[in-house]
C-alpha atoms as a PDB file:
ATOM      1  CA  MET A   1      16.140  76.260 -14.589  1.00  0.00           C
ATOM      2  CA  LYS A   2      15.768  79.627 -14.367  1.00  0.00           C
ATOM      3  CA  ARG A   3      17.557  80.755 -11.844  1.00  0.00           C
ATOM      4  CA  LYS A   4      16.601  84.190 -11.223  1.00  0.00           C
ATOM      5  CA  LEU A   5      13.323  83.058 -11.877  1.00  0.00           C
ATOM      6  CA  LEU A   6      13.141  80.389  -8.960  1.00  0.00           C
ATOM      7  CA  THR A   7      15.404  83.074  -6.660  1.00  0.00           C
ATOM      8  CA  CYS A   8      12.280  85.461  -7.339  1.00  0.00           C
ATOM      9  CA  ALA A   9       9.818  82.335  -6.178  1.00  0.00           C
ATOM     10  CA  ALA A  10      11.741  81.968  -3.228  1.00  0.00           C
ATOM     11  CA  LEU A  11      11.154  86.089  -2.614  1.00  0.00           C
ATOM     12  CA  ALA A  12       7.419  85.843  -3.250  1.00  0.00           C
ATOM     13  CA  LEU A  13      10.065  79.733  -2.336  1.00  0.00           C
ATOM     14  CA  ALA A  14      11.793  59.534   0.900  1.00  0.00           C
ATOM     15  CA  ALA A  15       7.919  57.743  -0.080  1.00  0.00           C
ATOM     16  CA  GLY A  16       6.869  55.591   3.749  1.00  0.00           C
ATOM     17  CA  SER A  17       5.619  56.570   6.633  1.00  0.00           C
ATOM     18  CA  LEU A  18       6.894  59.246   9.523  1.00  0.00           C
ATOM     19  CA  SER A  19       6.125  59.228  12.740  1.00  0.00           C
ATOM     20  CA  PRO A  20       4.402  61.716  14.184  1.00  0.00           C
ATOM     21  CA  ILE A  21       5.872  64.871  15.793  1.00  0.00           C
ATOM     22  CA  ALA A  22       5.220  64.326  19.621  1.00  0.00           C
ATOM     23  CA  TRP A  23       4.632  67.666  22.653  1.00  0.00           C
ATOM     24  CA  THR A  24       3.525  66.535  25.756  1.00  0.00           C
ATOM     25  CA  THR A  25       0.561  67.917  26.078  1.00  0.00           C
ATOM     26  CA  GLU A  26      -2.647  68.325  23.960  1.00  0.00           C
ATOM     27  CA  PRO A  27      -3.665  71.789  24.500  1.00  0.00           C
ATOM     28  CA  SER A  28      -7.212  71.670  25.910  1.00  0.00           C
ATOM     29  CA  SER A  29      -9.929  73.192  23.870  1.00  0.00           C
ATOM     30  CA  SER A  30     -10.244  76.652  25.339  1.00  0.00           C
ATOM     31  CA  VAL A  31      -6.338  77.064  24.630  1.00  0.00           C
ATOM     32  CA  THR A  32      -6.962  76.025  21.058  1.00  0.00           C
ATOM     33  CA  LYS A  33      -9.828  78.437  20.534  1.00  0.00           C
ATOM     34  CA  ALA A  34      -7.880  81.340  21.966  1.00  0.00           C
ATOM     35  CA  ALA A  35      -5.098  81.022  19.178  1.00  0.00           C
ATOM     36  CA  ARG A  36      -7.939  80.228  16.787  1.00  0.00           C
ATOM     37  CA  GLN A  37      -9.210  83.649  17.754  1.00  0.00           C
ATOM     38  CA  TRP A  38      -5.901  85.574  17.596  1.00  0.00           C
ATOM     39  CA  LEU A  39      -5.249  83.914  14.366  1.00  0.00           C
ATOM     40  CA  GLU A  40      -8.191  85.055  12.431  1.00  0.00           C
ATOM     41  CA  GLN A  41      -7.620  88.233  13.760  1.00  0.00           C
ATOM     42  CA  MET A  42      -3.830  89.090  12.631  1.00  0.00           C
ATOM     43  CA  ILE A  43      -5.548  87.187   8.841  1.00  0.00           C
ATOM     44  CA  GLU A  44      -7.881  90.332   9.870  1.00  0.00           C
ATOM     45  CA  ALA A  45      -5.562  92.892  10.066  1.00  0.00           C
ATOM     46  CA  ARG A  46      -3.216  91.566   7.489  1.00  0.00           C
ATOM     47  CA  GLN A  47      -5.167  91.916   4.848  1.00  0.00           C
ATOM     48  CA  THR A  48      -7.342  95.371   6.090  1.00  0.00           C
ATOM     49  CA  LEU A  49      -5.099  97.415   8.099  1.00  0.00           C
ATOM     50  CA  ASN A  50      -2.967  99.988   6.215  1.00  0.00           C
ATOM     51  CA  TYR A  51       0.622  99.949   7.388  1.00  0.00           C
ATOM     52  CA  GLU A  52       4.170 100.767   6.465  1.00  0.00           C
ATOM     53  CA  GLY A  53       7.424  99.271   8.489  1.00  0.00           C
ATOM     54  CA  THR A  54      10.848  97.886   8.247  1.00  0.00           C
ATOM     55  CA  PHE A  55      11.487  94.107   8.951  1.00  0.00           C
ATOM     56  CA  ILE A  56      14.502  91.880  10.127  1.00  0.00           C
ATOM     57  CA  TYR A  57      14.587  88.620   7.838  1.00  0.00           C
ATOM     58  CA  ILE A  58      17.390  85.873   8.186  1.00  0.00           C
ATOM     59  CA  GLN A  59      16.555  82.626   6.430  1.00  0.00           C
ATOM     60  CA  GLY A  60      20.133  80.488   7.495  1.00  0.00           C
ATOM     61  CA  PRO A  61      23.492  83.032   6.581  1.00  0.00           C
ATOM     62  CA  HIS A  62      20.709  85.398   4.628  1.00  0.00           C
ATOM     63  CA  VAL A  63      19.825  88.982   6.192  1.00  0.00           C
ATOM     64  CA  GLU A  64      18.248  91.029   5.245  1.00  0.00           C
ATOM     65  CA  SER A  65      16.270  94.320   5.765  1.00  0.00           C
ATOM     66  CA  MET A  66      13.471  95.357   4.208  1.00  0.00           C
ATOM     67  CA  ARG A  67      10.869  98.144   3.935  1.00  0.00           C
ATOM     68  CA  ILE A  68       6.541  96.323   3.631  1.00  0.00           C
ATOM     69  CA  ILE A  69       4.622  98.874   2.127  1.00  0.00           C
ATOM     70  CA  HIS A  70       0.294  98.074   2.753  1.00  0.00           C
ATOM     71  CA  GLY A  71      -3.097  99.664   1.411  1.00  0.00           C
ATOM     72  CA  SER A  72      -6.257  98.368   1.721  1.00  0.00           C
ATOM     73  CA  SER A  73      -9.229  99.818  -0.142  1.00  0.00           C
ATOM     74  CA  PRO A  74     -12.544  99.034  -1.730  1.00  0.00           C
ATOM     75  CA  GLU A  75     -10.729  98.624  -4.723  1.00  0.00           C
ATOM     76  CA  GLY A  76      -8.779  95.569  -2.740  1.00  0.00           C
ATOM     77  CA  GLU A  77      -4.841  95.116  -1.505  1.00  0.00           C
ATOM     78  CA  ARG A  78      -1.887  96.356  -3.251  1.00  0.00           C
ATOM     79  CA  GLN A  79       1.849  96.495  -1.787  1.00  0.00           C
ATOM     80  CA  ARG A  80       5.267  97.265  -1.846  1.00  0.00           C
ATOM     81  CA  LEU A  81       8.465  94.781  -0.435  1.00  0.00           C
ATOM     82  CA  PHE A  82      11.821  96.114  -1.419  1.00  0.00           C
ATOM     83  CA  SER A  83      14.780  95.538  -0.023  1.00  0.00           C
ATOM     84  CA  LEU A  84      17.468  98.297   2.272  1.00  0.00           C
ATOM     85  CA  ASN A  85      20.225  96.648   1.799  1.00  0.00           C
ATOM     86  CA  GLY A  86      22.225  94.571  -1.092  1.00  0.00           C
ATOM     87  CA  PRO A  87      21.102  94.976  -4.590  1.00  0.00           C
ATOM     88  CA  PRO A  88      17.557  96.745  -5.301  1.00  0.00           C
ATOM     89  CA  ARG A  89      15.049  93.877  -5.394  1.00  0.00           C
ATOM     90  CA  GLU A  90      10.988  94.692  -5.207  1.00  0.00           C
ATOM     91  CA  VAL A  91       7.911  92.686  -5.050  1.00  0.00           C
ATOM     92  CA  VAL A  92       5.310  94.671  -5.662  1.00  0.00           C
ATOM     93  CA  VAL A  93       1.421  92.950  -5.519  1.00  0.00           C
ATOM     94  CA  ALA A  94      -1.618  94.317  -7.158  1.00  0.00           C
ATOM     95  CA  ASN A  95      -5.419  92.930  -8.917  1.00  0.00           C
ATOM     96  CA  ASN A  96      -4.253  89.953  -7.861  1.00  0.00           C
ATOM     97  CA  HIS A  97      -0.474  90.476 -10.101  1.00  0.00           C
ATOM     98  CA  VAL A  98       2.487  89.763  -8.064  1.00  0.00           C
ATOM     99  CA  ILE A  99       6.027  91.826 -10.310  1.00  0.00           C
ATOM    100  CA  CYS A 100       9.086  90.641  -8.702  1.00  0.00           C
ATOM    101  CA  LEU A 101      11.906  93.084  -9.437  1.00  0.00           C
ATOM    102  CA  LEU A 102      15.528  91.573  -9.570  1.00  0.00           C
ATOM    103  CA  PRO A 103      18.536  93.826 -10.496  1.00  0.00           C
ATOM    104  CA  ARG A 104      18.519  92.524 -14.181  1.00  0.00           C
ATOM    105  CA  GLN A 105      15.335  90.807 -15.192  1.00  0.00           C
ATOM    106  CA  GLN A 106      11.941  91.234 -14.014  1.00  0.00           C
ATOM    107  CA  ALA A 107       9.140  88.678 -13.609  1.00  0.00           C
ATOM    108  CA  THR A 108       5.333  88.774 -13.640  1.00  0.00           C
ATOM    109  CA  PHE A 109       2.954  86.286 -11.947  1.00  0.00           C
ATOM    110  CA  PRO A 110      -0.586  86.721 -13.158  1.00  0.00           C
ATOM    111  CA  GLY A 111      -3.513  86.101 -10.659  1.00  0.00           C
ATOM    112  CA  SER A 112      -4.973  82.613 -10.647  1.00  0.00           C
ATOM    113  CA  ASP A 113      -6.847  79.976  -8.034  1.00  0.00           C
ATOM    114  CA  TYR A 114      -3.905  80.122  -5.914  1.00  0.00           C
ATOM    115  CA  GLN A 115      -4.110  82.662  -3.541  1.00  0.00           C
ATOM    116  CA  ARG A 116      -1.048  83.753  -1.301  1.00  0.00           C
ATOM    117  CA  SER A 117      -1.189  85.840   0.925  1.00  0.00           C
ATOM    118  CA  PRO A 118       1.084  89.674  -0.732  1.00  0.00           C
ATOM    119  CA  PHE A 119       3.018  89.508   3.364  1.00  0.00           C
ATOM    120  CA  PRO A 120       5.301  87.297   3.632  1.00  0.00           C
ATOM    121  CA  LEU A 121       3.680  84.823   6.341  1.00  0.00           C
ATOM    122  CA  SER A 122      -0.055  83.289   4.250  1.00  0.00           C
ATOM    123  CA  ILE A 123      -2.442  81.606   6.480  1.00  0.00           C
ATOM    124  CA  PRO A 124      -5.492  80.762   4.861  1.00  0.00           C
ATOM    125  CA  ARG A 125      -8.806  82.391   5.710  1.00  0.00           C
ATOM    126  CA  GLU A 126     -10.454  78.378   6.359  1.00  0.00           C
ATOM    127  CA  LEU A 127      -8.481  77.310   9.612  1.00  0.00           C
ATOM    128  CA  GLY A 128     -10.573  74.750   9.003  1.00  0.00           C
ATOM    129  CA  ARG A 129      -8.585  73.125   6.588  1.00  0.00           C
ATOM    130  CA  LEU A 130      -5.269  73.245   9.272  1.00  0.00           C
ATOM    131  CA  GLU A 131      -6.811  71.885  11.831  1.00  0.00           C
ATOM    132  CA  ASN A 132      -5.943  68.439  10.578  1.00  0.00           C
ATOM    133  CA  HIS A 133      -2.414  68.625   9.802  1.00  0.00           C
ATOM    134  CA  TYR A 134      -1.273  71.104  13.146  1.00  0.00           C
ATOM    135  CA  ALA A 135      -2.364  72.435  16.252  1.00  0.00           C
ATOM    136  CA  PHE A 136      -3.106  75.908  17.913  1.00  0.00           C
ATOM    137  CA  GLU A 137      -1.897  76.807  21.196  1.00  0.00           C
ATOM    138  CA  MET A 138      -1.064  79.968  23.233  1.00  0.00           C
ATOM    139  CA  LEU A 139       2.083  80.443  24.967  1.00  0.00           C
ATOM    140  CA  GLY A 140       1.970  83.187  26.125  1.00  0.00           C
ATOM    141  CA  GLU A 141       3.128  87.451  25.640  1.00  0.00           C
ATOM    142  CA  ASP A 142       5.727  89.306  24.894  1.00  0.00           C
ATOM    143  CA  ARG A 143       7.399  92.438  23.889  1.00  0.00           C
ATOM    144  CA  ILE A 144       8.891  92.900  19.734  1.00  0.00           C
ATOM    145  CA  ALA A 145       9.290  96.168  18.651  1.00  0.00           C
ATOM    146  CA  GLY A 146       8.373  97.864  21.640  1.00  0.00           C
ATOM    147  CA  LEU A 147       5.204  96.879  22.048  1.00  0.00           C
ATOM    148  CA  GLU A 148       2.919  94.049  23.878  1.00  0.00           C
ATOM    149  CA  THR A 149       2.087  90.946  22.062  1.00  0.00           C
ATOM    150  CA  GLN A 150       0.348  87.275  22.193  1.00  0.00           C
ATOM    151  CA  VAL A 151       2.473  84.336  21.564  1.00  0.00           C
ATOM    152  CA  ILE A 152       1.078  82.125  18.464  1.00  0.00           C
ATOM    153  CA  ALA A 153       2.365  78.378  18.443  1.00  0.00           C
ATOM    154  CA  ILE A 154       1.487  76.534  15.005  1.00  0.00           C
ATOM    155  CA  LYS A 155       2.550  73.057  15.241  1.00  0.00           C
ATOM    156  CA  PRO A 156       2.600  70.074  12.591  1.00  0.00           C
ATOM    157  CA  ARG A 157       0.809  66.905  13.303  1.00  0.00           C
ATOM    158  CA  ASP A 158       3.285  64.905  10.926  1.00  0.00           C
ATOM    159  CA  ALA A 159       6.854  64.975  10.235  1.00  0.00           C
ATOM    160  CA  TRP A 160       6.297  66.109   6.866  1.00  0.00           C
ATOM    161  CA  ARG A 161       5.801  70.318   7.666  1.00  0.00           C
ATOM    162  CA  PHE A 162       7.409  72.909   9.151  1.00  0.00           C
ATOM    163  CA  GLY A 163       5.858  73.880  12.913  1.00  0.00           C
ATOM    164  CA  TYR A 164       4.982  78.496  13.176  1.00  0.00           C
ATOM    165  CA  ARG A 165       5.992  80.208  16.513  1.00  0.00           C
ATOM    166  CA  LEU A 166       4.110  83.780  15.403  1.00  0.00           C
ATOM    167  CA  TRP A 167       4.292  87.329  18.067  1.00  0.00           C
ATOM    168  CA  LEU A 168       0.562  89.664  17.397  1.00  0.00           C
ATOM    169  CA  ASP A 169       0.608  93.548  18.286  1.00  0.00           C
ATOM    170  CA  GLU A 170      -2.285  93.047  21.353  1.00  0.00           C
ATOM    171  CA  ARG A 171      -3.683  95.951  19.870  1.00  0.00           C
ATOM    172  CA  ASN A 172      -5.342  94.548  16.559  1.00  0.00           C
ATOM    173  CA  GLY A 173      -3.679  91.164  16.190  1.00  0.00           C
ATOM    174  CA  MET A 174      -0.932  92.833  13.694  1.00  0.00           C
ATOM    175  CA  LEU A 175       1.913  90.239  12.976  1.00  0.00           C
ATOM    176  CA  LEU A 176       5.555  91.384  14.577  1.00  0.00           C
ATOM    177  CA  ARG A 177       7.233  88.720  14.327  1.00  0.00           C
ATOM    178  CA  SER A 178       7.252  85.011  13.064  1.00  0.00           C
ATOM    179  CA  ALA A 179       9.736  82.021  13.476  1.00  0.00           C
ATOM    180  CA  LEU A 180       9.526  78.440  11.332  1.00  0.00           C
ATOM    181  CA  LEU A 181      10.479  75.730  12.816  1.00  0.00           C
ATOM    182  CA  ASP A 182      12.238  72.369  11.687  1.00  0.00           C
ATOM    183  CA  GLU A 183      11.728  69.165  13.007  1.00  0.00           C
ATOM    184  CA  GLN A 184      13.867  70.048  15.408  1.00  0.00           C
ATOM    185  CA  ALA A 185      11.716  73.109  16.305  1.00  0.00           C
ATOM    186  CA  GLN A 186      14.555  75.160  15.640  1.00  0.00           C
ATOM    187  CA  PRO A 187      14.071  78.150  13.836  1.00  0.00           C
ATOM    188  CA  VAL A 188      15.221  78.331  10.371  1.00  0.00           C
ATOM    189  CA  GLU A 189      13.478  81.410   9.298  1.00  0.00           C
ATOM    190  CA  GLN A 190      12.584  84.630  11.459  1.00  0.00           C
ATOM    191  CA  LEU A 191      11.108  87.421  10.590  1.00  0.00           C
ATOM    192  CA  MET A 192      10.942  90.768  12.840  1.00  0.00           C
ATOM    193  CA  PHE A 193       9.841  94.459  12.890  1.00  0.00           C
ATOM    194  CA  THR A 194      11.635  97.203  14.154  1.00  0.00           C
ATOM    195  CA  ASP A 195       9.409  99.615  12.847  1.00  0.00           C
ATOM    196  CA  LEU A 196       5.649  99.631  12.213  1.00  0.00           C
ATOM    197  CA  GLN A 197       2.636 102.226  11.784  1.00  0.00           C
ATOM    198  CA  VAL A 198      -1.042 101.279  11.585  1.00  0.00           C
ATOM    199  CA  LYS A 199      -2.211 104.530   9.068  1.00  0.00           C
ATOM    200  CA  SER A 200      -5.598 105.885   8.176  1.00  0.00           C
ATOM    201  CA  GLN A 201      -4.462 106.139   4.906  1.00  0.00           C
ATOM    202  CA  ILE A 202      -1.468 105.517   2.277  1.00  0.00           C
ATOM    203  CA  ASP A 203      -0.019 108.117   0.498  1.00  0.00           C
ATOM    204  CA  GLU A 204      -0.252 107.003  -3.622  1.00  0.00           C
ATOM    205  CA  SER A 205       3.183 108.137  -4.290  1.00  0.00           C
ATOM    206  CA  ALA A 206       4.169 105.538  -0.891  1.00  0.00           C
ATOM    207  CA  PHE A 207       3.452 102.868  -4.456  1.00  0.00           C
ATOM    208  CA  GLU A 208       5.036 104.056  -6.669  1.00  0.00           C
ATOM    209  CA  SER A 209       7.998 101.367  -7.680  1.00  0.00           C
ATOM    210  CA  PRO A 210      11.133 103.870  -9.205  1.00  0.00           C
ATOM    211  CA  VAL A 211      12.086 100.763 -10.616  1.00  0.00           C
ATOM    212  CA  LEU A 212       8.621  99.928 -12.121  1.00  0.00           C
ATOM    213  CA  SER A 213       7.650 101.791 -14.725  1.00  0.00           C
ATOM    214  CA  PRO A 214       5.411 101.029 -18.386  1.00  0.00           C
ATOM    215  CA  ASP A 215       9.142 100.874 -20.362  1.00  0.00           C
ATOM    216  CA  VAL A 216       9.875  98.579 -17.969  1.00  0.00           C
ATOM    217  CA  ALA A 217       6.806  96.127 -17.423  1.00  0.00           C
ATOM    218  CA  SER A 218       7.132  96.158 -21.853  1.00  0.00           C
ATOM    219  CA  THR A 219      10.468  95.084 -22.333  1.00  0.00           C
ATOM    220  CA  SER A 220      14.518  94.733 -21.672  1.00  0.00           C
ATOM    221  CA  GLU A 221      15.807  97.638 -19.725  1.00  0.00           C
ATOM    222  CA  PRO A 222      18.825  99.154 -22.467  1.00  0.00           C
ATOM    223  CA  GLY A 223      21.837  96.665 -22.435  1.00  0.00           C
ATOM    224  CA  ASN A 224      20.151  94.481 -20.586  1.00  0.00           C
ATOM    225  CA  PRO A 225      20.759  90.764 -22.204  1.00  0.00           C
ATOM    226  CA  ASP A 226      18.955  89.244 -19.718  1.00  0.00           C
ATOM    227  CA  PRO A 227      14.912  88.610 -21.598  1.00  0.00           C
ATOM    228  CA  LEU A 228      12.065  89.473 -19.394  1.00  0.00           C
ATOM    229  CA  PRO A 229      10.987  84.861 -18.706  1.00  0.00           C
ATOM    230  CA  PRO A 230       7.612  84.843 -19.611  1.00  0.00           C
ATOM    231  CA  ALA A 231       4.842  84.778 -17.303  1.00  0.00           C
ATOM    232  CA  GLY A 232       3.809  80.921 -18.040  1.00  0.00           C
ATOM    233  CA  GLU A 233       0.157  79.633 -19.284  1.00  0.00           C
ATOM    234  CA  PRO A 234      -1.721  76.794 -17.543  1.00  0.00           C
ATOM    235  CA  VAL A 235      -1.063  73.084 -18.839  1.00  0.00           C
ATOM    236  CA  ALA A 236      -4.128  71.458 -19.361  1.00  0.00           C
ATOM    237  CA  GLU A 237      -2.256  68.171 -20.476  1.00  0.00           C
ATOM    238  CA  SER A 238       0.794  66.843 -19.172  1.00  0.00           C
ATOM    239  CA  ALA A 239       3.062  64.322 -19.827  1.00  0.00           C
ATOM    240  CA  TRP A 240       4.332  64.384 -16.769  1.00  0.00           C
ATOM    241  CA  ARG A 241       2.788  62.390 -13.041  1.00  0.00           C
ATOM    242  CA  VAL A 242       3.779  62.792  -9.056  1.00  0.00           C
ATOM    243  CA  GLY A 243       3.069  60.588  -6.814  1.00  0.00           C
ATOM    244  CA  PRO A 244       1.021  60.243  -3.677  1.00  0.00           C
ATOM    245  CA  LEU A 245       1.694  63.562  -1.759  1.00  0.00           C
ATOM    246  CA  PRO A 246       1.848  63.743   2.042  1.00  0.00           C
ATOM    247  CA  GLU A 247      -1.694  63.556   2.832  1.00  0.00           C
ATOM    248  CA  GLY A 248      -3.108  67.275   2.858  1.00  0.00           C
ATOM    249  CA  PHE A 249      -0.707  68.645  -0.010  1.00  0.00           C
ATOM    250  CA  THR A 250      -3.001  69.594  -2.713  1.00  0.00           C
ATOM    251  CA  LYS A 251      -2.409  70.403  -6.497  1.00  0.00           C
ATOM    252  CA  VAL A 252      -3.095  74.438  -6.385  1.00  0.00           C
ATOM    253  CA  LEU A 253      -1.548  75.858  -9.884  1.00  0.00           C
ATOM    254  CA  HIS A 254       0.518  74.126 -12.888  1.00  0.00           C
ATOM    255  CA  ASN A 255       2.524  76.110 -15.823  1.00  0.00           C
ATOM    256  CA  ARG A 256       4.906  76.242 -18.233  1.00  0.00           C
ATOM    257  CA  PHE A 257       7.660  78.330 -19.418  1.00  0.00           C
ATOM    258  CA  THR A 258       8.923  78.229 -22.332  1.00  0.00           C
ATOM    259  CA  GLU A 259      11.851  80.633 -23.840  1.00  0.00           C
ATOM    260  CA  ALA A 260      11.856  82.618 -27.100  1.00  0.00           C
ATOM    261  CA  SER A 261      13.907  80.457 -28.562  1.00  0.00           C
ATOM    262  CA  GLY A 262      11.869  77.145 -27.819  1.00  0.00           C
ATOM    263  CA  GLN A 263      14.801  75.806 -25.863  1.00  0.00           C
ATOM    264  CA  HIS A 264      14.340  74.809 -21.671  1.00  0.00           C
ATOM    265  CA  PRO A 265      10.650  73.994 -21.527  1.00  0.00           C
ATOM    266  CA  THR A 266      10.029  74.383 -18.230  1.00  0.00           C
ATOM    267  CA  GLU A 267       6.567  73.190 -15.735  1.00  0.00           C
ATOM    268  CA  HIS A 268       5.878  74.205 -12.492  1.00  0.00           C
ATOM    269  CA  LEU A 269       3.569  72.707  -9.966  1.00  0.00           C
ATOM    270  CA  VAL A 270       3.244  74.451  -7.131  1.00  0.00           C
ATOM    271  CA  PHE A 271       1.462  71.496  -3.655  1.00  0.00           C
ATOM    272  CA  ALA A 272       0.390  73.117  -0.598  1.00  0.00           C
ATOM    273  CA  ASP A 273      -1.622  72.580   2.246  1.00  0.00           C
ATOM    274  CA  GLY A 274      -3.361  75.655   2.885  1.00  0.00           C
ATOM    275  CA  LEU A 275       0.331  76.690   4.879  1.00  0.00           C
ATOM    276  CA  ALA A 276       3.755  74.929   3.426  1.00  0.00           C
ATOM    277  CA  THR A 277       4.120  74.945  -0.340  1.00  0.00           C
ATOM    278  CA  ILE A 278       5.863  72.789  -2.442  1.00  0.00           C
ATOM    279  CA  SER A 279       7.169  74.065  -6.047  1.00  0.00           C
ATOM    280  CA  VAL A 280       8.145  71.231  -8.981  1.00  0.00           C
ATOM    281  CA  PHE A 281      10.343  71.784 -11.471  1.00  0.00           C
ATOM    282  CA  LEU A 282      10.222  70.100 -14.922  1.00  0.00           C
ATOM    283  CA  GLU A 283      12.674  71.278 -17.411  1.00  0.00           C
ATOM    284  CA  LYS A 284      14.533  69.545 -20.568  1.00  0.00           C
ATOM    285  CA  LEU A 285      17.937  69.423 -20.168  1.00  0.00           C
ATOM    286  CA  ASP A 286      18.878  69.716 -24.313  1.00  0.00           C
ATOM    287  CA  LYS A 287      22.693  68.573 -22.622  1.00  0.00           C
ATOM    288  CA  ASP A 288      23.364  70.668 -20.225  1.00  0.00           C
ATOM    289  CA  PRO A 289      23.838  68.797 -16.932  1.00  0.00           C
ATOM    290  CA  PRO A 290      22.035  69.004 -14.137  1.00  0.00           C
ATOM    291  CA  ILE A 291      21.335  72.086 -11.723  1.00  0.00           C
ATOM    292  CA  LEU A 292      21.135  69.460  -8.651  1.00  0.00           C
ATOM    293  CA  GLN A 293      20.895  65.110  -7.950  1.00  0.00           C
ATOM    294  CA  GLY A 294      20.216  65.042  -4.234  1.00  0.00           C
ATOM    295  CA  GLU A 295      19.753  66.982  -1.825  1.00  0.00           C
ATOM    296  CA  SER A 296      20.672  70.469  -0.874  1.00  0.00           C
ATOM    297  CA  ARG A 297      19.335  73.185   1.921  1.00  0.00           C
ATOM    298  CA  PHE A 298      19.894  76.983   2.343  1.00  0.00           C
ATOM    299  CA  GLY A 299      18.286  78.647   5.701  1.00  0.00           C
ATOM    300  CA  SER A 300      14.660  77.226   5.831  1.00  0.00           C
ATOM    301  CA  MET A 301      14.138  75.519   1.866  1.00  0.00           C
ATOM    302  CA  ASN A 302      15.014  71.803   1.193  1.00  0.00           C
ATOM    303  CA  ALA A 303      15.691  70.569  -2.461  1.00  0.00           C
ATOM    304  CA  PHE A 304      15.789  67.255  -4.362  1.00  0.00           C
ATOM    305  CA  GLY A 305      16.767  66.974  -7.911  1.00  0.00           C
ATOM    306  CA  ARG A 306      17.253  64.156 -10.033  1.00  0.00           C
ATOM    307  CA  VAL A 307      17.673  63.719 -13.804  1.00  0.00           C
ATOM    308  CA  VAL A 308      14.482  62.128 -15.122  1.00  0.00           C
ATOM    309  CA  ALA A 309      14.245  61.003 -19.065  1.00  0.00           C
ATOM    310  CA  GLY A 310      16.403  63.762 -20.395  1.00  0.00           C
ATOM    311  CA  HIS A 311      15.095  66.765 -17.685  1.00  0.00           C
ATOM    312  CA  GLN A 312      16.337  67.838 -13.824  1.00  0.00           C
ATOM    313  CA  VAL A 313      13.247  67.640 -11.799  1.00  0.00           C
ATOM    314  CA  LEU A 314      13.368  69.671  -8.256  1.00  0.00           C
ATOM    315  CA  VAL A 315      11.308  69.423  -6.196  1.00  0.00           C
ATOM    316  CA  VAL A 316      12.100  72.881  -3.557  1.00  0.00           C
ATOM    317  CA  GLY A 317      10.139  73.957  -0.114  1.00  0.00           C
ATOM    318  CA  GLU A 318       9.903  74.847   3.411  1.00  0.00           C
ATOM    319  CA  VAL A 319       9.206  71.533   4.961  1.00  0.00           C
ATOM    320  CA  PRO A 320      11.803  68.618   6.057  1.00  0.00           C
ATOM    321  CA  ALA A 321      13.210  67.718   3.614  1.00  0.00           C
ATOM    322  CA  ALA A 322      12.165  64.344   3.338  1.00  0.00           C
ATOM    323  CA  THR A 323       9.434  66.166   2.174  1.00  0.00           C
ATOM    324  CA  VAL A 324      10.757  66.939  -0.475  1.00  0.00           C
ATOM    325  CA  GLN A 325      12.288  63.806  -1.017  1.00  0.00           C
ATOM    326  CA  ARG A 326       9.281  62.143  -1.519  1.00  0.00           C
ATOM    327  CA  ILE A 327       7.741  64.361  -4.006  1.00  0.00           C
ATOM    328  CA  ALA A 328      10.809  64.003  -6.430  1.00  0.00           C
ATOM    329  CA  SER A 329      11.411  60.372  -6.306  1.00  0.00           C
ATOM    330  CA  SER A 330       7.516  59.899  -6.557  1.00  0.00           C
ATOM    331  CA  ILE A 331       7.934  62.194 -10.174  1.00  0.00           C
ATOM    332  CA  GLN A 332       7.296  59.666 -12.965  1.00  0.00           C
ATOM    333  CA  HIS A 333       7.391  60.922 -16.714  1.00  0.00           C
ATOM    334  CA  ALA A 334       4.743  59.908 -19.169  1.00  0.00           C
ATOM    335  CA  PRO A 335       4.267  60.646 -23.107  1.00  0.00           C
ATOM    336  CA  GLU A 336       1.219  59.061 -23.448  1.00  0.00           C
ATOM    337  CA  ALA A 337      -1.124  60.732 -20.862  1.00  0.00           C
ATOM    338  CA  ALA A 338      -0.227  63.321 -22.616  1.00  0.00           C
ATOM    339  CA  LYS A 339      -1.418  62.477 -25.865  1.00  0.00           C
ATOM    340  CA  PRO A 340      -5.189  63.651 -26.969  1.00  0.00           C
END
């Protein structure tokens, strides 16, 4: 498995029934309506405002300070997201393409039918897609980065997914803080702005990455032994079958990657419910040892791995451990299914 590619994806991510997560009171229709209106305002603000800011990102033991620059124009959205501590890492979004820059490697993810927001939290415009599996609730007021906020909860209706708590700027609905909550409603991932400036426009120079250049975009840097990973191609026929998914999850992407040497062909599938996202990696081992067998967790990311027909099956997502295990256990290799 291409570990650097998995790292980039993380920047840019048991069968049977589970009982629903219970809360003491179901929010009233008026509370749900108010929460939904704030979420709609947040989606609009995130996409249409021009802003620059610094935020702290916490996932398990990992703490990172990041800078974000976002611009919106009739030509579309553009965004730079780069680290301020540790090894330089950067995500550039333009024309529906995501370019992830790691210390020694670059990966490009072209646009597709799978439209994720360039901002770390992705919520679909069609909120109705979420309401069968999540409830919206107003939680009160708070203060973030010196600004007054409204606090919104997105609560899962079952135990297959996590929930969110969001702090939205009272002036424009901009997201100033978010917390991803596990099955016990404990935060496993947090993001909080320490400063944010909304501007009438963003200077063009702010989107120029010192790392991204035509030379870097087309080839490896001098002295860099790591070849750039391919962008991948959509898969029409596959020898893999994924069993019944938890309700609400659908396949939104299926690509195949192959190294220049022709070794380690890997299929990458993405499943989403509109908020939660799960990645499945299927890689031929070619006598290499598997990366993971069984479960693993890092911060908000749960993973489950197994070996099937000489392939590493790895399922990763910001969802409960039972969800990734259920999906991994349902995956079967059926070579005859890939034949025309």
